[in-house]
Amino acid sequence: VQLVESGGGLVQPGGSLRLSCVASGFTFSSYIMSWYRQTPGKERELVASVSGPSGSTNYVDSVKGRFTISRDNAKNTVYLQMSSLKPEDTAVYYCKATWLASINYAYWGQGTQVTVSS
């Protein structure tokens, strides 16, 4: 099982980035895919999630209207389009896959750094 994130980097406030997470080793469509973020000294925070079958989405209030999560089951990939970025969005962003049948089965990626700074 592998989740590989990419797309992080340094961006100015107000800018945009698109994160990607490519999955392998499991049945991608049977998993809820999520993006979390974490800053030093703080707990990991759920940013957005997208279900497998219906594609329904959920977002933390602080990113609603700015971030969009999507998935391509044919490519085993989940995306996070981030726009109107703010310095407080700076964090390491992690991809997570959670099995629909049991939340006890979940996998994490290694994370990608997003820094929003002028």
C-alpha atoms as a PDB file:
ATOM      1  CA  VAL A   1       0.000   0.000   0.000  1.00  0.00           C
ATOM      2  CA  GLN A   2       1.319   3.382  -0.941  1.00  0.00           C
ATOM      3  CA  LEU A   3       0.053   6.956  -0.952  1.00  0.00           C
ATOM      4  CA  VAL A   4       2.340   9.476  -2.596  1.00  0.00           C
ATOM      5  CA  GLU A   5       1.587  13.180  -2.293  1.00  0.00           C
ATOM      6  CA  SER A   6       2.988  15.878  -4.537  1.00  0.00           C
ATOM      7  CA  GLY A   7       2.351  19.488  -5.493  1.00  0.00           C
ATOM      8  CA  GLY A   8       3.395  21.286  -2.336  1.00  0.00           C
ATOM      9  CA  GLY A   9       5.705  24.266  -2.318  1.00  0.00           C
ATOM     10  CA  LEU A  10       6.083  27.948  -1.578  1.00  0.00           C
ATOM     11  CA  VAL A  11       3.326  30.290  -2.737  1.00  0.00           C
ATOM     12  CA  GLN A  12       2.459  33.917  -2.039  1.00  0.00           C
ATOM     13  CA  PRO A  13      -0.710  34.845  -0.153  1.00  0.00           C
ATOM     14  CA  GLY A  14      -3.653  34.815  -2.512  1.00  0.00           C
ATOM     15  CA  GLY A  15      -2.021  32.236  -4.727  1.00  0.00           C
ATOM     16  CA  SER A  16      -3.046  28.700  -5.666  1.00  0.00           C
ATOM     17  CA  LEU A  17      -1.638  25.205  -5.497  1.00  0.00           C
ATOM     18  CA  ARG A  18      -2.951  21.787  -6.443  1.00  0.00           C
ATOM     19  CA  LEU A  19      -1.948  18.805  -4.368  1.00  0.00           C
ATOM     20  CA  SER A  20      -2.126  15.282  -5.757  1.00  0.00           C
ATOM     21  CA  CYS A  21      -2.096  11.934  -3.991  1.00  0.00           C
ATOM     22  CA  VAL A  22      -1.560   8.785  -6.043  1.00  0.00           C
ATOM     23  CA  ALA A  23      -2.651   5.548  -4.396  1.00  0.00           C
ATOM     24  CA  SER A  24      -1.598   1.983  -5.046  1.00  0.00           C
ATOM     25  CA  GLY A  25      -1.982  -1.429  -3.440  1.00  0.00           C
ATOM     26  CA  PHE A  26      -5.669  -1.271  -2.540  1.00  0.00           C
ATOM     27  CA  THR A  27      -9.099  -0.830  -4.140  1.00  0.00           C
ATOM     28  CA  PHE A  28      -9.134   2.938  -4.361  1.00  0.00           C
ATOM     29  CA  SER A  29     -12.875   3.323  -5.015  1.00  0.00           C
ATOM     30  CA  SER A  30     -13.689   1.524  -1.751  1.00  0.00           C
ATOM     31  CA  TYR A  31     -11.962   4.146   0.351  1.00  0.00           C
ATOM     32  CA  ILE A  32     -12.868   7.568   1.632  1.00  0.00           C
ATOM     33  CA  MET A  33     -10.020   9.868   0.662  1.00  0.00           C
ATOM     34  CA  SER A  34      -9.087  12.783   2.866  1.00  0.00           C
ATOM     35  CA  TRP A  35      -6.566  15.567   3.180  1.00  0.00           C
ATOM     36  CA  TYR A  36      -5.249  16.514   6.613  1.00  0.00           C
ATOM     37  CA  ARG A  37      -2.746  19.146   7.621  1.00  0.00           C
ATOM     38  CA  GLN A  38      -0.454  19.623  10.566  1.00  0.00           C
ATOM     39  CA  THR A  39       1.731  22.401  11.936  1.00  0.00           C
ATOM     40  CA  PRO A  40       4.422  21.980  14.615  1.00  0.00           C
ATOM     41  CA  GLY A  41       2.978  21.512  18.076  1.00  0.00           C
ATOM     42  CA  LYS A  42      -0.585  21.046  16.856  1.00  0.00           C
ATOM     43  CA  GLU A  43      -2.764  18.042  16.192  1.00  0.00           C
ATOM     44  CA  ARG A  44      -3.371  16.888  12.671  1.00  0.00           C
ATOM     45  CA  GLU A  45      -6.504  18.588  11.302  1.00  0.00           C
ATOM     46  CA  LEU A  46      -8.984  17.194   8.782  1.00  0.00           C
ATOM     47  CA  VAL A  47      -9.185  19.627   5.862  1.00  0.00           C
ATOM     48  CA  ALA A  48     -11.435  17.863   3.368  1.00  0.00           C
ATOM     49  CA  SER A  49     -12.753  14.433   2.458  1.00  0.00           C
ATOM     50  CA  VAL A  50     -14.460  12.788  -0.490  1.00  0.00           C
ATOM     51  CA  SER A  51     -16.357   9.507  -0.396  1.00  0.00           C
ATOM     52  CA  GLY A  52     -15.807   6.639  -2.798  1.00  0.00           C
ATOM     53  CA  PRO A  53     -19.115   5.781  -4.404  1.00  0.00           C
ATOM     54  CA  SER A  54     -21.010   9.073  -4.328  1.00  0.00           C
ATOM     55  CA  GLY A  55     -18.158  11.524  -4.386  1.00  0.00           C
ATOM     56  CA  SER A  56     -19.778  13.587  -1.654  1.00  0.00           C
ATOM     57  CA  THR A  57     -17.423  16.063  -0.029  1.00  0.00           C
ATOM     58  CA  ASN A  58     -16.853  17.687   3.328  1.00  0.00           C
ATOM     59  CA  TYR A  59     -14.644  20.605   4.334  1.00  0.00           C
ATOM     60  CA  VAL A  60     -13.434  22.244   7.493  1.00  0.00           C
ATOM     61  CA  ASP A  61     -15.026  25.681   7.811  1.00  0.00           C
ATOM     62  CA  SER A  62     -11.741  27.545   7.415  1.00  0.00           C
ATOM     63  CA  VAL A  63     -11.254  26.321   3.831  1.00  0.00           C
ATOM     64  CA  LYS A  64     -14.825  26.318   2.525  1.00  0.00           C
ATOM     65  CA  GLY A  65     -15.078  28.297  -0.688  1.00  0.00           C
ATOM     66  CA  ARG A  66     -11.294  28.236  -1.189  1.00  0.00           C
ATOM     67  CA  PHE A  67     -10.340  24.550  -1.400  1.00  0.00           C
ATOM     68  CA  THR A  68     -11.836  21.829  -3.580  1.00  0.00           C
ATOM     69  CA  ILE A  69     -11.257  18.117  -3.122  1.00  0.00           C
ATOM     70  CA  SER A  70     -11.834  15.743  -6.011  1.00  0.00           C
ATOM     71  CA  ARG A  71     -10.936  12.215  -7.009  1.00  0.00           C
ATOM     72  CA  ASP A  72     -10.310  10.277 -10.193  1.00  0.00           C
ATOM     73  CA  ASN A  73     -10.983   6.618  -9.508  1.00  0.00           C
ATOM     74  CA  ALA A  74      -9.601   5.629 -12.913  1.00  0.00           C
ATOM     75  CA  LYS A  75      -6.240   7.156 -11.968  1.00  0.00           C
ATOM     76  CA  ASN A  76      -6.336   6.204  -8.268  1.00  0.00           C
ATOM     77  CA  THR A  77      -5.715   9.839  -7.481  1.00  0.00           C
ATOM     78  CA  VAL A  78      -7.193  12.414  -5.136  1.00  0.00           C
ATOM     79  CA  TYR A  79      -6.599  16.130  -5.557  1.00  0.00           C
ATOM     80  CA  LEU A  80      -6.823  19.194  -3.386  1.00  0.00           C
ATOM     81  CA  GLN A  81      -7.145  22.432  -5.323  1.00  0.00           C
ATOM     82  CA  MET A  82      -6.236  25.297  -3.003  1.00  0.00           C
ATOM     83  CA  SER A  83      -6.984  28.884  -3.924  1.00  0.00           C
ATOM     84  CA  SER A  84      -6.841  32.236  -2.132  1.00  0.00           C
ATOM     85  CA  LEU A  85      -4.172  30.778   0.092  1.00  0.00           C
ATOM     86  CA  LYS A  86      -3.440  32.419   3.423  1.00  0.00           C
ATOM     87  CA  PRO A  87      -0.357  32.250   5.655  1.00  0.00           C
ATOM     88  CA  GLU A  88      -2.390  30.214   8.133  1.00  0.00           C
ATOM     89  CA  ASP A  89      -2.742  27.492   5.492  1.00  0.00           C
ATOM     90  CA  THR A  90       0.965  26.793   5.907  1.00  0.00           C
ATOM     91  CA  ALA A  91       1.357  23.191   7.046  1.00  0.00           C
ATOM     92  CA  VAL A  92       2.393  19.729   6.034  1.00  0.00           C
ATOM     93  CA  TYR A  93      -0.518  18.240   4.099  1.00  0.00           C
ATOM     94  CA  TYR A  94      -1.197  14.520   4.348  1.00  0.00           C
ATOM     95  CA  CYS A  95      -3.346  12.226   2.248  1.00  0.00           C
ATOM     96  CA  LYS A  96      -5.362   9.541   4.056  1.00  0.00           C
ATOM     97  CA  ALA A  97      -7.332   6.578   2.776  1.00  0.00           C
ATOM     98  CA  THR A  98     -10.020   5.068   5.045  1.00  0.00           C
ATOM     99  CA  TRP A  99     -11.824   1.853   4.160  1.00  0.00           C
ATOM    100  CA  LEU A 100     -15.584   2.381   3.786  1.00  0.00           C
ATOM    101  CA  ALA A 101     -16.327  -0.887   5.600  1.00  0.00           C
ATOM    102  CA  SER A 102     -14.229  -0.091   8.684  1.00  0.00           C
ATOM    103  CA  ILE A 103     -12.533   3.076   9.880  1.00  0.00           C
ATOM    104  CA  ASN A 104      -9.985   0.864  11.608  1.00  0.00           C
ATOM    105  CA  TYR A 105      -8.319   0.303   8.260  1.00  0.00           C
ATOM    106  CA  ALA A 106      -6.595   3.463   7.097  1.00  0.00           C
ATOM    107  CA  TYR A 107      -3.408   4.458   5.329  1.00  0.00           C
ATOM    108  CA  TRP A 108      -1.395   7.675   5.337  1.00  0.00           C
ATOM    109  CA  GLY A 109       0.934   9.325   2.883  1.00  0.00           C
ATOM    110  CA  GLN A 110       4.268  10.850   3.834  1.00  0.00           C
ATOM    111  CA  GLY A 111       3.092  14.452   3.560  1.00  0.00           C
ATOM    112  CA  THR A 112       3.939  17.453   1.403  1.00  0.00           C
ATOM    113  CA  GLN A 113       4.902  20.880   2.706  1.00  0.00           C
ATOM    114  CA  VAL A 114       2.817  23.906   1.769  1.00  0.00           C
ATOM    115  CA  THR A 115       4.208  27.297   2.727  1.00  0.00           C
ATOM    116  CA  VAL A 116       2.241  30.485   2.139  1.00  0.00           C
ATOM    117  CA  SER A 117       4.473  33.496   2.541  1.00  0.00           C
ATOM    118  CA  SER A 118       5.443  36.706   0.811  1.00  0.00           C
END
